[in-house]
Amino acid sequence: MLAFATARLSIRHAKQTNRWRDLLSDSTGESLETLLHAQLRERVILEGQIANLRQRVEELESQLTVSKRHLGLVRYDAFEDVGGNQSFALAVYDDRGNGAVLNSIIGRTQNRVYCKPLINGRSERDLSQEEQRAIREAKSSGPRSIVSP
């Protein structure tokens, strides 16, 4: 009777051992422990890359506030005898309102270009109606690309 119980327990033990061996090894024979160590190494590498990416995003976000990305363009006729809206006012500034307003006035025989600095969205110099409209347009439309879509 004792021999029978011992044989039965030996068979059950062998089956359990085979199950654990199957569980702890993959199809190529690598152990689960080896796979877990490889996953841990990969996770450490990925966490380092994520930390680097977070730092880079923070740097880019801080640079974004001073990039000149608010644009407003107003075309107009500066003189009655010159048509086609050839003159223009262009406002270009960053999130803080620092930048410039360019005004190009086209006449029959000459072209003049003026540049007025903007600090906090305001200019120390008097602004024409077109220049003021260009600033308002840049504010209302928000950041956009200087390249036409």
Foldseek 3Di string as FASTA:
>chain_A
DVVVVVVVVVVVVVVVVVVVCPVQADPVGDGVVVVVVVVVVVVVVVVVVVVVVVVVVVVVVVVQQFAFFQKFKDFDQPDPVDDDSPWMWMDTGGNQFWDWIWTWHDDPPDIDIDIFTTGSVDTPDDDDPRNVRGSVNSVVVDGDDPDDD
